[in-house]
All heavy atoms as atom14 arrays in JSON, in Angstrom:
{
  "sequence": "SLRGSDTDAALYWFARMLDGGEDPHFIARRLTRFAVEDIGLAD",
  "atom14_mask": [
    [1, 1, 1, 1, 1, 1, 0, 0, 0, 0, 0, 0, 0, 0],
    [1, 1, 1, 1, 1, 1, 1, 1, 0, 0, 0, 0, 0, 0],
    [1, 1, 1, 1, 1, 1, 1, 1, 1, 1, 1, 0, 0, 0],
    [1, 1, 1, 1, 0, 0, 0, 0, 0, 0, 0, 0, 0, 0],
    [1, 1, 1, 1, 1, 1, 0, 0, 0, 0, 0, 0, 0, 0],
    [1, 1, 1, 1, 1, 1, 1, 1, 0, 0, 0, 0, 0, 0],
    [1, 1, 1, 1, 1, 1, 1, 0, 0, 0, 0, 0, 0, 0],
    [1, 1, 1, 1, 1, 1, 1, 1, 0, 0, 0, 0, 0, 0],
    [1, 1, 1, 1, 1, 0, 0, 0, 0, 0, 0, 0, 0, 0],
    [1, 1, 1, 1, 1, 0, 0, 0, 0, 0, 0, 0, 0, 0],
    [1, 1, 1, 1, 1, 1, 1, 1, 0, 0, 0, 0, 0, 0],
    [1, 1, 1, 1, 1, 1, 1, 1, 1, 1, 1, 1, 0, 0],
    [1, 1, 1, 1, 1, 1, 1, 1, 1, 1, 1, 1, 1, 1],
    [1, 1, 1, 1, 1, 1, 1, 1, 1, 1, 1, 0, 0, 0],
    [1, 1, 1, 1, 1, 0, 0, 0, 0, 0, 0, 0, 0, 0],
    [1, 1, 1, 1, 1, 1, 1, 1, 1, 1, 1, 0, 0, 0],
    [1, 1, 1, 1, 1, 1, 1, 1, 0, 0, 0, 0, 0, 0],
    [1, 1, 1, 1, 1, 1, 1, 1, 0, 0, 0, 0, 0, 0],
    [1, 1, 1, 1, 1, 1, 1, 1, 0, 0, 0, 0, 0, 0],
    [1, 1, 1, 1, 0, 0, 0, 0, 0, 0, 0, 0, 0, 0],
    [1, 1, 1, 1, 0, 0, 0, 0, 0, 0, 0, 0, 0, 0],
    [1, 1, 1, 1, 1, 1, 1, 1, 1, 0, 0, 0, 0, 0],
    [1, 1, 1, 1, 1, 1, 1, 1, 0, 0, 0, 0, 0, 0],
    [1, 1, 1, 1, 1, 1, 1, 0, 0, 0, 0, 0, 0, 0],
    [1, 1, 1, 1, 1, 1, 1, 1, 1, 1, 0, 0, 0, 0],
    [1, 1, 1, 1, 1, 1, 1, 1, 1, 1, 1, 0, 0, 0],
    [1, 1, 1, 1, 1, 1, 1, 1, 0, 0, 0, 0, 0, 0],
    [1, 1, 1, 1, 1, 0, 0, 0, 0, 0, 0, 0, 0, 0],
    [1, 1, 1, 1, 1, 1, 1, 1, 1, 1, 1, 0, 0, 0],
    [1, 1, 1, 1, 1, 1, 1, 1, 1, 1, 1, 0, 0, 0],
    [1, 1, 1, 1, 1, 1, 1, 1, 0, 0, 0, 0, 0, 0],
    [1, 1, 1, 1, 1, 1, 1, 0, 0, 0, 0, 0, 0, 0],
    [1, 1, 1, 1, 1, 1, 1, 1, 1, 1, 1, 0, 0, 0],
    [1, 1, 1, 1, 1, 1, 1, 1, 1, 1, 1, 0, 0, 0],
    [1, 1, 1, 1, 1, 0, 0, 0, 0, 0, 0, 0, 0, 0],
    [1, 1, 1, 1, 1, 1, 1, 0, 0, 0, 0, 0, 0, 0],
    [1, 1, 1, 1, 1, 1, 1, 1, 1, 0, 0, 0, 0, 0],
    [1, 1, 1, 1, 1, 1, 1, 1, 0, 0, 0, 0, 0, 0],
    [1, 1, 1, 1, 1, 1, 1, 1, 0, 0, 0, 0, 0, 0],
    [1, 1, 1, 1, 0, 0, 0, 0, 0, 0, 0, 0, 0, 0],
    [1, 1, 1, 1, 1, 1, 1, 1, 0, 0, 0, 0, 0, 0],
    [1, 1, 1, 1, 1, 0, 0, 0, 0, 0, 0, 0, 0, 0],
    [1, 1, 1, 1, 1, 1, 1, 1, 0, 0, 0, 0, 0, 0]
  ],
  "atom14_positions": [
    [[-66.88, -63.34, 82.42], [-66.9, -62.57, 83.74], [-65.59, -61.72, 83.69], [-65.56, -60.58, 84.2], [-66.86, -63.52, 84.85], [-68.21, -64.19, 84.98], [0.0, 0.0, 0.0], [0.0, 0.0, 0.0], [0.0, 0.0, 0.0], [0.0, 0.0, 0.0], [0.0, 0.0, 0.0], [0.0, 0.0, 0.0], [0.0, 0.0, 0.0], [0.0, 0.0, 0.0]],
    [[-64.41, -62.47, 83.27], [-63.21, -61.6, 83.15], [-63.25, -60.43, 82.19], [-62.86, -59.36, 82.37], [-62.07, -62.57, 82.87], [-61.59, -63.54, 83.87], [-60.57, -64.59, 83.32], [-60.92, -62.95, 85.03], [0.0, 0.0, 0.0], [0.0, 0.0, 0.0], [0.0, 0.0, 0.0], [0.0, 0.0, 0.0], [0.0, 0.0, 0.0], [0.0, 0.0, 0.0]],
    [[-63.91, -60.75, 80.98], [-64.08, -59.75, 80.0], [-64.79, -58.57, 80.53], [-64.58, -57.44, 80.13], [-64.73, -60.42, 78.75], [-64.78, -59.37, 77.6], [-65.55, -60.17, 76.43], [-64.67, -61.07, 75.84], [-65.12, -62.19, 75.16], [-66.42, -62.37, 75.03], [-64.23, -63.04, 74.6], [0.0, 0.0, 0.0], [0.0, 0.0, 0.0], [0.0, 0.0, 0.0]],
    [[-65.79, -58.94, 81.35], [-66.71, -57.73, 81.92], [-66.03, -57.26, 83.19], [-66.72, -56.44, 83.87], [0.0, 0.0, 0.0], [0.0, 0.0, 0.0], [0.0, 0.0, 0.0], [0.0, 0.0, 0.0], [0.0, 0.0, 0.0], [0.0, 0.0, 0.0], [0.0, 0.0, 0.0], [0.0, 0.0, 0.0], [0.0, 0.0, 0.0], [0.0, 0.0, 0.0]],
    [[-64.78, -57.57, 83.52], [-64.0, -57.02, 84.63], [-64.83, -57.29, 85.98], [-64.77, -56.47, 86.88], [-63.79, -55.47, 84.5], [-62.98, -55.2, 83.38], [0.0, 0.0, 0.0], [0.0, 0.0, 0.0], [0.0, 0.0, 0.0], [0.0, 0.0, 0.0], [0.0, 0.0, 0.0], [0.0, 0.0, 0.0], [0.0, 0.0, 0.0], [0.0, 0.0, 0.0]],
    [[-65.52, -58.33, 86.03], [-66.26, -58.73, 87.27], [-65.42, -59.77, 87.93], [-65.52, -61.07, 87.7], [-67.63, -59.31, 86.97], [-68.41, -59.41, 88.25], [-67.86, -59.48, 89.34], [-69.79, -59.43, 88.14], [0.0, 0.0, 0.0], [0.0, 0.0, 0.0], [0.0, 0.0, 0.0], [0.0, 0.0, 0.0], [0.0, 0.0, 0.0], [0.0, 0.0, 0.0]],
    [[-64.41, -59.39, 88.67], [-63.38, -60.19, 89.26], [-63.99, -61.24, 90.21], [-63.74, -62.4, 90.18], [-62.3, -59.36, 89.97], [-61.79, -58.46, 88.98], [-61.21, -60.31, 90.39], [0.0, 0.0, 0.0], [0.0, 0.0, 0.0], [0.0, 0.0, 0.0], [0.0, 0.0, 0.0], [0.0, 0.0, 0.0], [0.0, 0.0, 0.0], [0.0, 0.0, 0.0]],
    [[-65.0, -60.76, 91.04], [-65.59, -61.64, 92.07], [-66.28, -62.75, 91.35], [-66.3, -63.95, 91.79], [-66.55, -60.84, 92.88], [-65.71, -59.92, 93.79], [-64.61, -60.29, 94.42], [-66.15, -58.78, 93.94], [0.0, 0.0, 0.0], [0.0, 0.0, 0.0], [0.0, 0.0, 0.0], [0.0, 0.0, 0.0], [0.0, 0.0, 0.0], [0.0, 0.0, 0.0]],
    [[-67.1, -62.39, 90.28], [-67.86, -63.5, 89.56], [-66.83, -64.46, 88.92], [-67.05, -65.67, 88.96], [-68.75, -62.83, 88.48], [0.0, 0.0, 0.0], [0.0, 0.0, 0.0], [0.0, 0.0, 0.0], [0.0, 0.0, 0.0], [0.0, 0.0, 0.0], [0.0, 0.0, 0.0], [0.0, 0.0, 0.0], [0.0, 0.0, 0.0], [0.0, 0.0, 0.0]],
    [[-65.73, -63.96, 88.36], [-64.74, -64.84, 87.81], [-64.11, -65.83, 88.81], [-63.92, -66.96, 88.56], [-63.67, -63.96, 87.17], [0.0, 0.0, 0.0], [0.0, 0.0, 0.0], [0.0, 0.0, 0.0], [0.0, 0.0, 0.0], [0.0, 0.0, 0.0], [0.0, 0.0, 0.0], [0.0, 0.0, 0.0], [0.0, 0.0, 0.0], [0.0, 0.0, 0.0]],
    [[-63.92, -65.27, 90.03], [-63.3, -66.24, 91.11], [-64.4, -67.2, 91.45], [-64.03, -68.37, 91.77], [-63.08, -65.28, 92.36], [-61.84, -64.47, 92.14], [-61.73, -63.43, 93.41], [-60.55, -65.29, 92.17], [0.0, 0.0, 0.0], [0.0, 0.0, 0.0], [0.0, 0.0, 0.0], [0.0, 0.0, 0.0], [0.0, 0.0, 0.0], [0.0, 0.0, 0.0]],
    [[-65.69, -66.92, 91.4], [-66.69, -67.85, 91.68], [-66.71, -69.0, 90.65], [-66.72, -70.21, 91.01], [-68.11, -67.18, 91.72], [-69.26, -68.21, 91.83], [-69.58, -68.85, 92.93], [-69.98, -68.42, 90.59], [-70.57, -69.75, 93.05], [-71.03, -69.39, 90.69], [-71.27, -70.01, 91.89], [-72.33, -70.98, 91.85], [0.0, 0.0, 0.0], [0.0, 0.0, 0.0]],
    [[-66.58, -68.7, 89.39], [-66.76, -69.67, 88.33], [-65.43, -70.42, 88.36], [-65.45, -71.68, 88.13], [-66.99, -69.07, 87.02], [-68.32, -68.37, 86.86], [-68.6, -67.05, 86.64], [-69.62, -68.96, 86.89], [-69.98, -66.82, 86.67], [-70.62, -68.07, 86.82], [-69.96, -70.35, 87.16], [-71.89, -68.36, 86.83], [-71.27, -70.61, 87.32], [-72.3, -69.69, 87.2]],
    [[-64.31, -69.79, 88.65], [-63.13, -70.55, 88.81], [-63.09, -71.63, 89.88], [-62.78, -72.77, 89.65], [-61.91, -69.46, 89.08], [-60.61, -70.14, 89.44], [-59.78, -70.66, 88.32], [-60.21, -70.34, 90.72], [-58.54, -71.19, 88.66], [-59.0, -70.8, 91.05], [-58.12, -71.33, 90.05], [0.0, 0.0, 0.0], [0.0, 0.0, 0.0], [0.0, 0.0, 0.0]],
    [[-63.7, -71.22, 90.97], [-63.89, -72.16, 92.2], [-64.81, -73.25, 91.83], [-64.57, -74.42, 92.12], [-64.33, -71.49, 93.35], [0.0, 0.0, 0.0], [0.0, 0.0, 0.0], [0.0, 0.0, 0.0], [0.0, 0.0, 0.0], [0.0, 0.0, 0.0], [0.0, 0.0, 0.0], [0.0, 0.0, 0.0], [0.0, 0.0, 0.0], [0.0, 0.0, 0.0]],
    [[-65.9, -72.93, 91.07], [-66.84, -73.95, 90.67], [-66.18, -75.0, 89.72], [-66.38, -76.26, 89.85], [-67.94, -73.32, 89.87], [-69.09, -72.69, 90.7], [-70.03, -73.75, 91.23], [-70.66, -74.49, 90.1], [-71.71, -74.03, 89.46], [-72.34, -72.96, 89.8], [-72.24, -74.78, 88.55], [0.0, 0.0, 0.0], [0.0, 0.0, 0.0], [0.0, 0.0, 0.0]],
    [[-65.3, -74.55, 88.85], [-64.68, -75.48, 87.88], [-63.7, -76.51, 88.81], [-63.61, -77.58, 88.58], [-63.77, -74.69, 86.96], [-64.71, -73.94, 85.9], [-63.81, -73.18, 84.57], [-63.55, -74.6, 83.53], [0.0, 0.0, 0.0], [0.0, 0.0, 0.0], [0.0, 0.0, 0.0], [0.0, 0.0, 0.0], [0.0, 0.0, 0.0], [0.0, 0.0, 0.0]],
    [[-62.85, -75.79, 89.72], [-62.1, -76.61, 90.53], [-62.81, -77.59, 91.37], [-62.42, -78.81, 91.46], [-61.2, -75.81, 91.39], [-60.01, -75.06, 90.72], [-59.16, -74.25, 91.71], [-59.1, -75.92, 89.89], [0.0, 0.0, 0.0], [0.0, 0.0, 0.0], [0.0, 0.0, 0.0], [0.0, 0.0, 0.0], [0.0, 0.0, 0.0], [0.0, 0.0, 0.0]],
    [[-63.89, -77.14, 91.92], [-64.73, -78.05, 92.77], [-65.3, -79.17, 91.92], [-65.57, -80.23, 92.51], [-65.84, -77.12, 93.38], [-66.51, -77.92, 94.53], [-65.84, -78.48, 95.4], [-67.82, -77.85, 94.6], [0.0, 0.0, 0.0], [0.0, 0.0, 0.0], [0.0, 0.0, 0.0], [0.0, 0.0, 0.0], [0.0, 0.0, 0.0], [0.0, 0.0, 0.0]],
    [[-65.59, -78.97, 90.62], [-66.07, -80.05, 89.81], [-65.02, -80.96, 89.24], [-65.4, -81.85, 88.57], [0.0, 0.0, 0.0], [0.0, 0.0, 0.0], [0.0, 0.0, 0.0], [0.0, 0.0, 0.0], [0.0, 0.0, 0.0], [0.0, 0.0, 0.0], [0.0, 0.0, 0.0], [0.0, 0.0, 0.0], [0.0, 0.0, 0.0], [0.0, 0.0, 0.0]],
    [[-63.79, -80.69, 89.61], [-62.74, -81.67, 89.14], [-62.08, -81.28, 87.92], [-61.33, -82.11, 87.31], [0.0, 0.0, 0.0], [0.0, 0.0, 0.0], [0.0, 0.0, 0.0], [0.0, 0.0, 0.0], [0.0, 0.0, 0.0], [0.0, 0.0, 0.0], [0.0, 0.0, 0.0], [0.0, 0.0, 0.0], [0.0, 0.0, 0.0], [0.0, 0.0, 0.0]],
    [[-62.25, -80.02, 87.45], [-61.59, -79.6, 86.19], [-60.13, -79.62, 86.31], [-59.56, -79.33, 87.43], [-62.01, -78.24, 85.8], [-61.59, -77.72, 84.5], [-61.93, -78.55, 83.35], [-63.02, -78.46, 82.82], [-60.95, -79.28, 82.94], [0.0, 0.0, 0.0], [0.0, 0.0, 0.0], [0.0, 0.0, 0.0], [0.0, 0.0, 0.0], [0.0, 0.0, 0.0]],
    [[-59.38, -79.83, 85.28], [-57.9, -79.98, 85.35], [-57.46, -78.5, 85.32], [-57.7, -77.67, 84.45], [-57.43, -80.65, 83.95], [-55.9, -80.73, 83.93], [-55.23, -80.17, 84.86], [-55.36, -81.24, 82.91], [0.0, 0.0, 0.0], [0.0, 0.0, 0.0], [0.0, 0.0, 0.0], [0.0, 0.0, 0.0], [0.0, 0.0, 0.0], [0.0, 0.0, 0.0]],
    [[-56.69, -78.09, 86.34], [-56.14, -76.73, 86.43], [-55.22, -76.35, 85.22], [-55.28, -75.15, 84.94], [-55.36, -76.69, 87.7], [-56.03, -77.75, 88.57], [-56.38, -78.85, 87.66], [0.0, 0.0, 0.0], [0.0, 0.0, 0.0], [0.0, 0.0, 0.0], [0.0, 0.0, 0.0], [0.0, 0.0, 0.0], [0.0, 0.0, 0.0], [0.0, 0.0, 0.0]],
    [[-54.64, -77.31, 84.62], [-53.82, -76.99, 83.46], [-54.71, -76.41, 82.27], [-54.41, -75.53, 81.53], [-53.18, -78.2, 82.96], [-52.03, -78.63, 83.77], [-52.16, -79.54, 84.77], [-50.76, -78.3, 83.84], [-51.06, -79.77, 85.43], [-50.09, -78.95, 84.82], [0.0, 0.0, 0.0], [0.0, 0.0, 0.0], [0.0, 0.0, 0.0], [0.0, 0.0, 0.0]],
    [[-55.92, -77.01, 82.25], [-56.92, -76.49, 81.13], [-57.32, -75.09, 81.44], [-57.38, -74.23, 80.59], [-58.2, -77.42, 81.12], [-59.32, -76.85, 80.33], [-59.37, -76.82, 78.99], [-60.39, -76.21, 81.04], [-60.34, -76.35, 78.19], [-61.38, -75.67, 80.27], [-61.47, -75.83, 78.93], [0.0, 0.0, 0.0], [0.0, 0.0, 0.0], [0.0, 0.0, 0.0]],
    [[-57.55, -74.79, 82.8], [-57.96, -73.44, 83.17], [-56.76, -72.39, 82.93], [-57.01, -71.43, 82.31], [-58.29, -73.41, 84.65], [-59.59, -74.4, 84.87], [-58.75, -71.95, 85.03], [-59.92, -74.35, 86.35], [0.0, 0.0, 0.0], [0.0, 0.0, 0.0], [0.0, 0.0, 0.0], [0.0, 0.0, 0.0], [0.0, 0.0, 0.0], [0.0, 0.0, 0.0]],
    [[-55.6, -72.86, 83.19], [-54.39, -72.02, 82.96], [-54.33, -71.68, 81.54], [-53.88, -70.56, 81.12], [-53.22, -72.75, 83.51], [0.0, 0.0, 0.0], [0.0, 0.0, 0.0], [0.0, 0.0, 0.0], [0.0, 0.0, 0.0], [0.0, 0.0, 0.0], [0.0, 0.0, 0.0], [0.0, 0.0, 0.0], [0.0, 0.0, 0.0], [0.0, 0.0, 0.0]],
    [[-54.56, -72.75, 80.62], [-54.45, -72.43, 79.19], [-55.4, -71.46, 78.76], [-55.12, -70.55, 78.01], [-54.49, -73.79, 78.48], [-54.39, -73.66, 76.99], [-54.36, -75.08, 76.28], [-55.68, -75.71, 76.32], [-56.59, -75.58, 75.49], [-56.52, -74.65, 74.49], [-57.74, -76.11, 75.59], [0.0, 0.0, 0.0], [0.0, 0.0, 0.0], [0.0, 0.0, 0.0]],
    [[-56.69, -71.7, 79.23], [-57.63, -70.72, 78.81], [-57.52, -69.28, 79.37], [-57.78, -68.3, 78.66], [-59.07, -71.21, 79.14], [-59.48, -72.38, 78.54], [-59.5, -72.22, 77.02], [-60.53, -71.18, 76.7], [-61.81, -71.42, 76.23], [-62.14, -72.6, 76.06], [-62.62, -70.4, 75.97], [0.0, 0.0, 0.0], [0.0, 0.0, 0.0], [0.0, 0.0, 0.0]],
    [[-56.93, -69.13, 80.58], [-56.57, -67.81, 81.07], [-55.48, -67.14, 80.27], [-55.54, -65.92, 80.08], [-56.25, -68.03, 82.57], [-57.27, -68.37, 83.55], [-56.72, -68.6, 85.01], [-58.45, -67.39, 83.6], [0.0, 0.0, 0.0], [0.0, 0.0, 0.0], [0.0, 0.0, 0.0], [0.0, 0.0, 0.0], [0.0, 0.0, 0.0], [0.0, 0.0, 0.0]],
    [[-54.51, -68.0, 79.84], [-53.53, -67.44, 79.05], [-54.01, -66.94, 77.68], [-53.61, -65.87, 77.21], [-52.34, -68.48, 78.74], [-51.88, -68.94, 80.03], [-51.22, -67.87, 77.98], [0.0, 0.0, 0.0], [0.0, 0.0, 0.0], [0.0, 0.0, 0.0], [0.0, 0.0, 0.0], [0.0, 0.0, 0.0], [0.0, 0.0, 0.0], [0.0, 0.0, 0.0]],
    [[-54.95, -67.68, 77.17], [-55.65, -67.26, 75.89], [-56.32, -65.83, 76.13], [-56.33, -64.98, 75.37], [-56.64, -68.3, 75.41], [-57.59, -67.87, 74.32], [-56.88, -67.47, 73.01], [-57.88, -67.06, 72.04], [-57.6, -66.79, 70.79], [-56.35, -67.1, 70.22], [-58.51, -66.32, 69.95], [0.0, 0.0, 0.0], [0.0, 0.0, 0.0], [0.0, 0.0, 0.0]],
    [[-57.03, -65.83, 77.33], [-57.72, -64.7, 77.64], [-56.84, -63.37, 77.68], [-57.15, -62.32, 77.25], [-58.46, -64.73, 78.98], [-59.18, -63.54, 79.37], [-60.63, -63.33, 78.99], [-58.66, -62.56, 80.14], [-61.22, -62.2, 79.4], [-59.26, -61.4, 80.53], [-60.57, -61.21, 80.17], [0.0, 0.0, 0.0], [0.0, 0.0, 0.0], [0.0, 0.0, 0.0]],
    [[-55.51, -63.69, 78.17], [-54.58, -62.5, 78.4], [-54.29, -61.88, 76.99], [-54.15, -60.73, 76.91], [-53.44, -63.09, 79.05], [0.0, 0.0, 0.0], [0.0, 0.0, 0.0], [0.0, 0.0, 0.0], [0.0, 0.0, 0.0], [0.0, 0.0, 0.0], [0.0, 0.0, 0.0], [0.0, 0.0, 0.0], [0.0, 0.0, 0.0], [0.0, 0.0, 0.0]],
    [[-54.23, -62.67, 75.95], [-53.91, -62.16, 74.71], [-55.04, -61.76, 73.89], [-54.98, -60.93, 72.98], [-52.98, -63.14, 73.85], [-51.68, -63.31, 74.5], [-53.68, -64.55, 73.73], [0.0, 0.0, 0.0], [0.0, 0.0, 0.0], [0.0, 0.0, 0.0], [0.0, 0.0, 0.0], [0.0, 0.0, 0.0], [0.0, 0.0, 0.0], [0.0, 0.0, 0.0]],
    [[-56.21, -62.39, 74.17], [-57.42, -62.09, 73.36], [-58.18, -60.85, 73.9], [-58.62, -60.03, 73.11], [-58.41, -63.27, 73.34], [-59.67, -62.97, 72.63], [-60.64, -64.21, 72.67], [-60.17, -65.38, 72.87], [-61.9, -64.05, 72.47], [0.0, 0.0, 0.0], [0.0, 0.0, 0.0], [0.0, 0.0, 0.0], [0.0, 0.0, 0.0], [0.0, 0.0, 0.0]],
    [[-58.3, -60.7, 75.17], [-59.2, -59.66, 75.73], [-58.39, -58.6, 76.6], [-59.07, -57.68, 76.93], [-60.08, -60.3, 76.67], [-61.23, -60.97, 75.92], [-62.26, -60.5, 75.57], [-61.07, -62.29, 75.79], [0.0, 0.0, 0.0], [0.0, 0.0, 0.0], [0.0, 0.0, 0.0], [0.0, 0.0, 0.0], [0.0, 0.0, 0.0], [0.0, 0.0, 0.0]],
    [[-57.12, -58.76, 76.59], [-56.27, -57.67, 77.34], [-55.21, -57.2, 76.25], [-55.09, -55.98, 76.04], [-55.69, -58.13, 78.53], [-56.84, -58.51, 79.62], [-54.72, -57.15, 79.12], [-56.26, -59.03, 80.82], [0.0, 0.0, 0.0], [0.0, 0.0, 0.0], [0.0, 0.0, 0.0], [0.0, 0.0, 0.0], [0.0, 0.0, 0.0], [0.0, 0.0, 0.0]],
    [[-54.54, -58.13, 75.73], [-53.55, -57.86, 74.64], [-52.55, -56.74, 75.16], [-51.98, -56.78, 76.25], [0.0, 0.0, 0.0], [0.0, 0.0, 0.0], [0.0, 0.0, 0.0], [0.0, 0.0, 0.0], [0.0, 0.0, 0.0], [0.0, 0.0, 0.0], [0.0, 0.0, 0.0], [0.0, 0.0, 0.0], [0.0, 0.0, 0.0], [0.0, 0.0, 0.0]],
    [[-52.37, -55.74, 74.34], [-51.44, -54.78, 74.61], [-51.96, -53.58, 75.41], [-51.27, -52.61, 75.68], [-50.89, -54.18, 73.25], [-50.06, -55.13, 72.55], [-49.59, -54.63, 71.07], [-48.78, -55.46, 73.18], [0.0, 0.0, 0.0], [0.0, 0.0, 0.0], [0.0, 0.0, 0.0], [0.0, 0.0, 0.0], [0.0, 0.0, 0.0], [0.0, 0.0, 0.0]],
    [[-53.16, -53.67, 75.87], [-53.6, -52.68, 77.06], [-52.81, -52.85, 78.24], [-52.69, -52.03, 78.95], [-55.16, -52.93, 77.17], [0.0, 0.0, 0.0], [0.0, 0.0, 0.0], [0.0, 0.0, 0.0], [0.0, 0.0, 0.0], [0.0, 0.0, 0.0], [0.0, 0.0, 0.0], [0.0, 0.0, 0.0], [0.0, 0.0, 0.0], [0.0, 0.0, 0.0]],
    [[-52.32, -54.17, 78.44], [-51.42, -54.48, 79.54], [-50.55, -55.65, 79.06], [-50.89, -56.82, 79.32], [-52.21, -54.79, 80.83], [-51.28, -55.14, 82.0], [-50.03, -55.08, 81.81], [-51.86, -55.36, 83.06], [0.0, 0.0, 0.0], [0.0, 0.0, 0.0], [0.0, 0.0, 0.0], [0.0, 0.0, 0.0], [0.0, 0.0, 0.0], [0.0, 0.0, 0.0]]
  ]
}
């Protein structure tokens, strides 16, 4: 969803993960990976 620039859908899946008890540290690590994999030097 982030790769497709659908911010609202990304917020929904993020909320679903937290609601399911996912460790926020895991999410933060994956979001950091996204920053370098799918955005990189574009920003």
